[in-house]
């Protein structure tokens, strides 16, 4: 299953946007007990993967959001934790769990950027171990990289490899392509250089090619920490609920309510990674074709593109992967009862987005 990391038109959540400093600001704090070479301000010494893991795992956490799990890491000793935005997307309550089994509810969102798929959480805790953040602008293809995360709930899994490439997805978004294996559950985990500094955040895995894994540069994390824009967890939870009923413009330019279904992860029971990839690709391609048609006023054509994609998946998916087929079929039935092609198109789009959302959550 491929995790898409903001390749579409992701926007900053209104209350989470902005870069103005506040009274709660501050730079990423120095790690506790970091091993450095002689001399003030010198960089840490080169370390073995075992040394990096031993020093770092106390600051690496599990992030539990609804029925999904991800990884995170402490960036300030007073309770700031970094992870991927998609790990907490849609959640109304988030819990951070340390390796010693202490659990803390998230009380505040210090900053977030959906384009960069990153969020800074805050828990009520003090004197936490902190990971050192390196300068991702200095990363070069061929550099060593170490990933630590909780794939499929397997705590503190360590894997190493190389920086395969630094790729610019588009203006304002670069990613680190790495050969260190990562898996669902590792999302939000730290990527280290050979000095034990975090130079990236594990974010995406592709099943289209062997060992194609991606992370976000650590400088994106540094920017969020140094320019906080906090909101309460209650406000964030309300925003997440609102995302389930997003508003969009109808053909007259007025806002219309969205009715996006929220599915449990069990919807994907019996679906292999190949099936999930087929579903994601088919729905995304249909949206890429149908949305421009709708915007041109060709609502009926858009509806037929969407309806055809749902029918195509119904034929290609096996009975074992029946949940997505049933969800899309429900959308087809809702659309068939409507007489307005514009409403029919939106009914299908709502069913698409509900399935895409559960696919995204399944990768945490």
Protein backbone atom coordinates (compact mmCIF):
# COMPACT_ATOMS: atom_id res chain seq x y z
CA UNK A 1 0.00 0.00 0.00
CA UNK A 2 1.47 3.35 -1.00
CA UNK A 3 1.06 6.26 1.38
CA UNK A 4 0.57 9.50 -0.53
CA UNK A 5 2.15 12.42 1.29
CA UNK A 6 0.46 15.55 0.11
CA UNK A 7 0.82 15.20 -3.66
CA UNK A 8 -2.64 16.69 -4.10
CA UNK A 9 -4.09 20.02 -3.01
CA UNK A 10 -3.64 19.61 0.74
CA UNK A 11 -4.13 22.86 2.62
CA UNK A 12 -3.12 23.87 6.12
CA UNK A 13 -5.92 23.41 8.61
CA UNK A 14 -6.96 27.01 9.29
CA UNK A 15 -6.26 27.22 13.00
CA UNK A 16 -3.02 25.28 12.59
CA UNK A 17 -1.52 27.49 9.90
CA UNK A 18 0.83 30.39 10.36
CA UNK A 19 4.40 30.89 11.41
CA UNK A 20 4.24 33.75 13.89
CA UNK A 21 6.11 33.22 17.16
CA UNK A 22 4.13 32.96 20.38
CA UNK A 23 5.03 33.05 24.02
CA UNK A 24 5.20 29.26 24.03
CA UNK A 25 7.85 29.15 21.34
CA UNK A 26 11.38 27.83 21.57
CA UNK A 27 13.94 25.97 19.59
CA UNK A 28 14.34 22.21 19.52
CA UNK A 29 16.03 21.39 22.79
CA UNK A 30 19.34 19.62 23.17
CA UNK A 31 19.14 15.89 23.92
CA UNK A 32 19.83 14.50 27.35
CA UNK A 33 23.17 12.69 27.50
CA UNK A 34 24.14 13.17 23.84
CA UNK A 35 27.67 12.01 23.13
CA UNK A 36 29.75 14.78 21.55
CA UNK A 37 33.34 15.21 20.53
CA UNK A 38 35.67 17.52 22.46
CA UNK A 39 35.01 21.23 22.21
CA UNK A 40 31.93 23.36 22.76
CA UNK A 41 29.32 23.09 20.02
CA UNK A 42 31.04 20.17 18.29
CA UNK A 43 28.92 17.66 16.43
CA UNK A 44 28.26 14.26 18.01
CA UNK A 45 30.68 11.46 17.25
CA UNK A 46 29.88 8.80 14.68
CA UNK A 47 27.97 5.99 16.40
CA UNK A 48 27.06 2.41 15.56
CA UNK A 49 23.41 1.53 14.89
CA UNK A 50 23.31 -0.31 18.24
CA UNK A 51 24.59 2.79 20.07
CA UNK A 52 22.08 5.05 18.34
CA UNK A 53 19.22 2.68 19.17
CA UNK A 54 20.25 2.33 22.82
CA UNK A 55 20.43 6.09 23.30
CA UNK A 56 17.31 6.95 21.31
CA UNK A 57 14.58 4.44 22.12
CA UNK A 58 13.55 6.09 25.43
CA UNK A 59 12.51 9.16 23.40
CA UNK A 60 10.62 7.19 20.71
CA UNK A 61 6.92 6.68 21.40
CA UNK A 62 3.82 4.94 20.10
CA UNK A 63 1.07 7.30 18.99
CA UNK A 64 -2.38 5.79 19.39
CA UNK A 65 -5.15 7.57 17.50
CA UNK A 66 -8.53 5.88 17.33
CA UNK A 67 -8.02 2.38 15.97
CA UNK A 68 -4.69 3.26 14.35
CA UNK A 69 -1.11 3.21 15.58
CA UNK A 70 1.92 5.21 14.55
CA UNK A 71 5.31 6.24 15.86
CA UNK A 72 6.55 9.57 17.20
CA UNK A 73 9.54 11.07 19.00
CA UNK A 74 10.14 13.69 21.67
CA UNK A 75 11.49 17.02 20.41
CA UNK A 76 11.21 19.04 23.65
CA UNK A 77 11.63 17.76 27.18
CA UNK A 78 8.45 19.56 28.30
CA UNK A 79 6.21 17.19 26.36
CA UNK A 80 6.42 18.05 22.64
CA UNK A 81 6.20 15.05 20.32
CA UNK A 82 6.57 14.98 16.52
CA UNK A 83 4.76 12.54 14.24
CA UNK A 84 3.03 12.40 10.84
CA UNK A 85 -0.22 14.30 10.44
CA UNK A 86 -1.81 11.29 8.79
CA UNK A 87 -1.26 9.30 12.01
CA UNK A 88 -3.70 11.56 13.88
CA UNK A 89 -5.89 12.64 10.96
CA UNK A 90 -9.54 12.03 11.80
CA UNK A 91 -8.86 11.26 15.47
CA UNK A 92 -10.71 13.02 18.27
CA UNK A 93 -8.43 11.63 21.00
CA UNK A 94 -4.72 10.81 20.80
CA UNK A 95 -2.52 8.99 23.32
CA UNK A 96 1.28 8.88 23.51
CA UNK A 97 2.80 5.69 24.97
CA UNK A 98 6.44 5.42 26.08
CA UNK A 99 8.57 2.30 26.09
CA UNK A 100 8.15 2.05 29.88
CA UNK A 101 4.36 1.81 29.25
CA UNK A 102 3.55 5.25 30.61
CA UNK A 103 0.59 6.73 28.73
CA UNK A 104 -0.24 10.42 28.27
CA UNK A 105 -3.24 11.94 26.50
CA UNK A 106 -2.44 14.68 24.01
CA UNK A 107 -3.72 17.98 25.42
CA UNK A 108 -2.65 20.40 22.72
CA UNK A 109 -1.57 20.56 19.08
CA UNK A 110 1.42 22.90 18.96
CA UNK A 111 1.61 23.12 15.18
CA UNK A 112 0.80 21.13 12.05
CA UNK A 113 1.39 21.22 8.33
CA UNK A 114 -0.72 18.92 6.18
CA UNK A 115 1.36 19.65 3.08
CA UNK A 116 4.42 18.29 4.90
CA UNK A 117 2.33 15.64 6.71
CA UNK A 118 3.73 16.65 10.10
CA UNK A 119 2.24 17.57 13.45
CA UNK A 120 3.66 18.53 16.86
CA UNK A 121 1.68 17.15 19.81
CA UNK A 122 1.94 18.21 23.44
CA UNK A 123 1.44 16.03 26.50
CA UNK A 124 1.56 17.04 30.17
CA UNK A 125 5.02 15.69 31.00
CA UNK A 126 8.35 17.11 32.08
CA UNK A 127 12.05 16.17 31.91
CA UNK A 128 11.56 13.80 28.98
CA UNK A 129 14.49 12.41 26.95
CA UNK A 130 14.83 14.36 23.70
CA UNK A 131 16.23 13.38 20.31
CA UNK A 132 18.77 15.70 18.67
CA UNK A 133 17.55 17.21 15.40
CA UNK A 134 20.10 17.47 12.61
CA UNK A 135 20.20 19.66 9.50
CA UNK A 136 18.47 17.76 6.71
CA UNK A 137 19.84 20.24 4.16
CA UNK A 138 23.21 18.53 4.65
CA UNK A 139 21.87 15.08 3.71
CA UNK A 140 23.40 13.57 0.56
CA UNK A 141 22.58 10.46 -1.48
CA UNK A 142 24.77 7.65 -0.19
CA UNK A 143 24.70 8.80 3.45
CA UNK A 144 23.86 6.18 6.06
CA UNK A 145 20.38 6.25 7.55
CA UNK A 146 18.83 4.38 10.49
CA UNK A 147 15.08 4.00 11.04
CA UNK A 148 13.48 3.15 14.38
CA UNK A 149 9.74 2.63 14.64
CA UNK A 150 6.89 0.37 15.65
CA UNK A 151 5.83 -1.45 12.45
CA UNK A 152 2.60 -3.37 13.01
CA UNK A 153 2.97 -2.62 16.72
CA UNK A 154 6.41 -4.30 17.00
CA UNK A 155 8.10 -1.81 19.30
CA UNK A 156 11.54 -0.33 18.66
CA UNK A 157 12.26 -2.09 15.39
CA UNK A 158 15.63 -0.94 14.01
CA UNK A 159 16.62 -1.03 10.34
CA UNK A 160 19.42 0.66 8.45
CA UNK A 161 20.27 1.58 4.89
CA UNK A 162 21.26 4.54 2.74
CA UNK A 163 19.80 7.83 1.57
CA UNK A 164 18.91 6.75 -1.97
CA UNK A 165 17.98 10.22 -3.19
CA UNK A 166 16.66 13.61 -2.13
CA UNK A 167 13.66 14.32 -4.34
CA UNK A 168 11.64 17.48 -4.84
CA UNK A 169 8.00 16.50 -5.22
CA UNK A 170 7.01 20.06 -6.02
CA UNK A 171 7.87 23.57 -4.83
CA UNK A 172 7.81 23.53 -1.05
CA UNK A 173 7.92 19.75 -0.62
CA UNK A 174 11.02 17.55 -0.73
CA UNK A 175 11.30 13.94 0.42
CA UNK A 176 14.14 11.64 1.36
CA UNK A 177 14.14 8.36 -0.52
CA UNK A 178 15.74 5.73 1.72
CA UNK A 179 16.66 2.05 1.44
CA UNK A 180 16.13 1.38 5.16
CA UNK A 181 12.97 -0.78 5.35
CA UNK A 182 9.93 0.76 7.03
CA UNK A 183 6.38 -0.58 7.32
CA UNK A 184 2.90 0.54 8.44
CA UNK A 185 3.14 1.53 12.09
CA UNK A 186 6.51 3.16 11.52
CA UNK A 187 4.85 6.33 10.22
CA UNK A 188 6.14 9.30 12.22
CA UNK A 189 9.27 7.53 13.42
CA UNK A 190 12.72 9.17 13.35
CA UNK A 191 15.34 8.63 10.67
CA UNK A 192 18.89 9.08 11.98
CA UNK A 193 22.24 9.88 10.41
CA UNK A 194 25.35 8.06 11.64
CA UNK A 195 25.82 10.60 14.44
CA UNK A 196 22.47 9.84 16.02
CA UNK A 197 20.82 13.04 14.79
CA UNK A 198 17.29 12.97 13.40
CA UNK A 199 17.45 14.00 9.75
CA UNK A 200 14.02 12.81 8.68
CA UNK A 201 10.62 11.36 9.60
CA UNK A 202 9.52 8.00 8.18
CA UNK A 203 6.39 8.62 6.15
CA UNK A 204 5.71 6.44 3.13
CA UNK A 205 6.23 3.00 1.64
CA UNK A 206 5.68 1.95 -1.97
CA UNK A 207 4.82 -1.59 -2.97
CA UNK A 208 5.36 -0.88 -6.67
CA UNK A 209 9.10 -1.33 -6.37
CA UNK A 210 11.46 -3.15 -4.05
CA UNK A 211 12.56 -1.23 -0.95
CA UNK A 212 11.17 2.15 -1.99
CA UNK A 213 10.67 4.08 1.24
CA UNK A 214 10.35 7.78 1.93
CA UNK A 215 10.77 10.27 4.75
CA UNK A 216 10.25 13.96 5.30
CA UNK A 217 13.28 16.20 5.99
CA UNK A 218 13.85 17.08 9.65
CA UNK A 219 14.10 20.80 8.90
CA UNK A 220 10.31 20.77 8.41
CA UNK A 221 10.03 19.56 12.02
CA UNK A 222 12.42 22.25 13.25
CA UNK A 223 10.35 24.96 11.57
CA UNK A 224 7.14 23.76 13.25
CA UNK A 225 8.79 23.61 16.67
CA UNK A 226 10.42 27.03 16.36
CA UNK A 227 7.22 28.71 15.15
CA UNK A 228 4.39 27.14 17.17
CA UNK A 229 0.73 27.97 16.64
CA UNK A 230 -1.00 26.00 19.39
CA UNK A 231 -4.65 24.99 19.60
CA UNK A 232 -6.36 22.84 22.21
CA UNK A 233 -7.01 19.17 21.63
CA UNK A 234 -10.72 19.94 21.91
CA UNK A 235 -10.56 22.37 19.00
CA UNK A 236 -8.44 19.95 16.99
CA UNK A 237 -10.95 17.16 17.66
CA UNK A 238 -13.77 19.40 16.47
CA UNK A 239 -11.81 20.15 13.30
CA UNK A 240 -11.28 16.43 12.71
CA UNK A 241 -15.01 15.80 13.07
CA UNK A 242 -15.67 18.62 10.64
CA UNK A 243 -13.35 16.96 8.12
CA UNK A 244 -15.80 14.07 7.97
CA UNK A 245 -18.42 16.54 6.71
CA UNK A 246 -16.31 18.83 4.63
CA UNK A 247 -17.89 21.62 2.65
CA UNK A 248 -17.40 22.11 -1.06
CA UNK A 249 -18.84 24.43 -3.65
CA UNK A 250 -21.87 23.36 -5.65
CA UNK A 251 -22.49 24.39 -9.23
CA UNK A 252 -23.85 27.78 -8.12
CA UNK A 253 -20.75 28.54 -6.08
CA UNK A 254 -22.48 27.93 -2.76
CA UNK A 255 -21.03 25.76 -0.05
CA UNK A 256 -22.57 22.31 0.14
CA UNK A 257 -22.34 19.81 2.96
CA UNK A 258 -20.27 16.70 2.39
CA UNK A 259 -21.50 13.34 3.62
CA UNK A 260 -18.31 11.28 3.70
CA UNK A 261 -18.80 7.89 5.38
CA UNK A 262 -16.41 6.98 8.20
CA UNK A 263 -15.54 3.28 7.95
CA UNK A 264 -13.90 1.02 10.48
CA UNK A 265 -10.60 -0.61 9.52
CA UNK A 266 -12.43 -3.94 9.34
CA UNK A 267 -13.79 -2.71 6.00
CA UNK A 268 -10.44 -3.81 4.53
CA UNK A 269 -10.46 -7.31 6.03
CA UNK A 270 -9.47 -9.82 3.36
CA UNK A 271 -7.90 -7.16 1.13
CA UNK A 272 -4.23 -7.67 0.29
CA UNK A 273 -1.78 -4.82 -0.31
CA UNK A 274 -2.24 -5.39 -4.04
CA UNK A 275 -6.01 -5.00 -3.67
CA UNK A 276 -5.57 -1.81 -1.66
CA UNK A 277 -3.19 -0.41 -4.27
CA UNK A 278 -5.73 -1.23 -7.01
CA UNK A 279 -8.52 0.52 -5.09
CA UNK A 280 -6.42 3.60 -4.38
CA UNK A 281 -5.14 3.88 -7.95
CA UNK A 282 -8.56 3.35 -9.54
CA UNK A 283 -10.34 5.90 -7.34
CA UNK A 284 -7.59 8.52 -7.62
CA UNK A 285 -7.47 8.17 -11.40
CA UNK A 286 -11.25 8.51 -11.59
CA UNK A 287 -11.10 11.70 -9.50
CA UNK A 288 -8.32 13.09 -11.69
CA UNK A 289 -10.54 12.59 -14.75
CA UNK A 290 -13.93 13.37 -13.23
CA UNK A 291 -13.15 16.48 -11.18
CA UNK A 292 -12.07 18.61 -14.19
CA UNK A 293 -15.20 17.51 -16.04
CA UNK A 294 -17.33 18.60 -13.11
CA UNK A 295 -15.56 21.96 -12.93
CA UNK A 296 -16.30 22.44 -16.63
CA UNK A 297 -20.00 21.98 -15.90
CA UNK A 298 -20.09 18.44 -17.31
CA UNK A 299 -21.69 16.97 -14.20
CA UNK A 300 -23.27 13.98 -15.90
CA UNK A 301 -19.96 12.99 -17.50
CA UNK A 302 -18.24 13.27 -14.12
CA UNK A 303 -20.88 11.08 -12.50
CA UNK A 304 -20.51 8.41 -15.18
CA UNK A 305 -16.71 8.38 -14.74
CA UNK A 306 -17.13 7.85 -10.99
CA UNK A 307 -19.88 5.27 -11.37
CA UNK A 308 -17.83 3.40 -13.96
CA UNK A 309 -14.80 3.26 -11.66
CA UNK A 310 -16.92 1.79 -8.86
CA UNK A 311 -18.36 -0.82 -11.22
CA UNK A 312 -14.89 -1.66 -12.50
CA UNK A 313 -13.64 -2.31 -8.97
CA UNK A 314 -16.68 -4.46 -8.24
CA UNK A 315 -15.64 -6.70 -11.13
CA UNK A 316 -11.91 -6.78 -10.38
CA UNK A 317 -11.89 -7.22 -6.61
CA UNK A 318 -12.36 -10.75 -5.24
CA UNK A 319 -15.14 -11.72 -2.88
CA UNK A 320 -12.62 -11.83 0.00
CA UNK A 321 -12.10 -8.07 -0.36
CA UNK A 322 -15.77 -7.33 -0.15
CA UNK A 323 -15.83 -4.36 2.22
CA UNK A 324 -14.72 -1.68 -0.25
CA UNK A 325 -17.03 -3.11 -2.89
CA UNK A 326 -19.99 -2.83 -0.51
CA UNK A 327 -19.04 0.73 0.45
CA UNK A 328 -18.83 1.82 -3.18
CA UNK A 329 -22.01 -0.03 -4.04
CA UNK A 330 -23.81 1.89 -1.30
CA UNK A 331 -22.62 5.09 -2.95
CA UNK A 332 -23.92 3.89 -6.31
CA UNK A 333 -27.32 3.16 -4.80
CA UNK A 334 -27.49 6.61 -3.19
CA UNK A 335 -26.52 8.27 -6.45
CA UNK A 336 -29.05 6.25 -8.49
CA UNK A 337 -31.89 7.61 -6.33
CA UNK A 338 -30.96 11.21 -7.20
CA UNK A 339 -32.13 13.04 -10.31
CA UNK A 340 -29.58 15.87 -10.39
CA UNK A 341 -26.29 14.78 -12.07
CA UNK A 342 -24.38 17.22 -9.85
CA UNK A 343 -25.75 15.55 -6.71
CA UNK A 344 -25.09 12.12 -8.23
CA UNK A 345 -21.46 13.03 -8.83
CA UNK A 346 -21.07 14.26 -5.25
CA UNK A 347 -22.72 11.14 -3.84
CA UNK A 348 -20.12 9.02 -5.64
CA UNK A 349 -17.29 11.33 -4.62
CA UNK A 350 -18.35 11.09 -0.96
CA UNK A 351 -18.22 7.29 -1.16
CA UNK A 352 -14.79 7.49 -2.84
CA UNK A 353 -13.39 9.75 -0.14
CA UNK A 354 -14.72 7.49 2.61
CA UNK A 355 -12.87 4.50 1.15
CA UNK A 356 -9.70 6.54 0.51
CA UNK A 357 -9.74 7.78 4.10
CA UNK A 358 -9.88 4.28 5.59
CA UNK A 359 -7.10 3.18 3.24
CA UNK A 360 -4.97 6.04 4.53
CA UNK A 361 -5.67 5.10 8.17
CA UNK A 362 -4.76 1.48 7.50
CA UNK A 363 -1.17 2.47 6.74
CA UNK A 364 -0.46 3.96 10.19
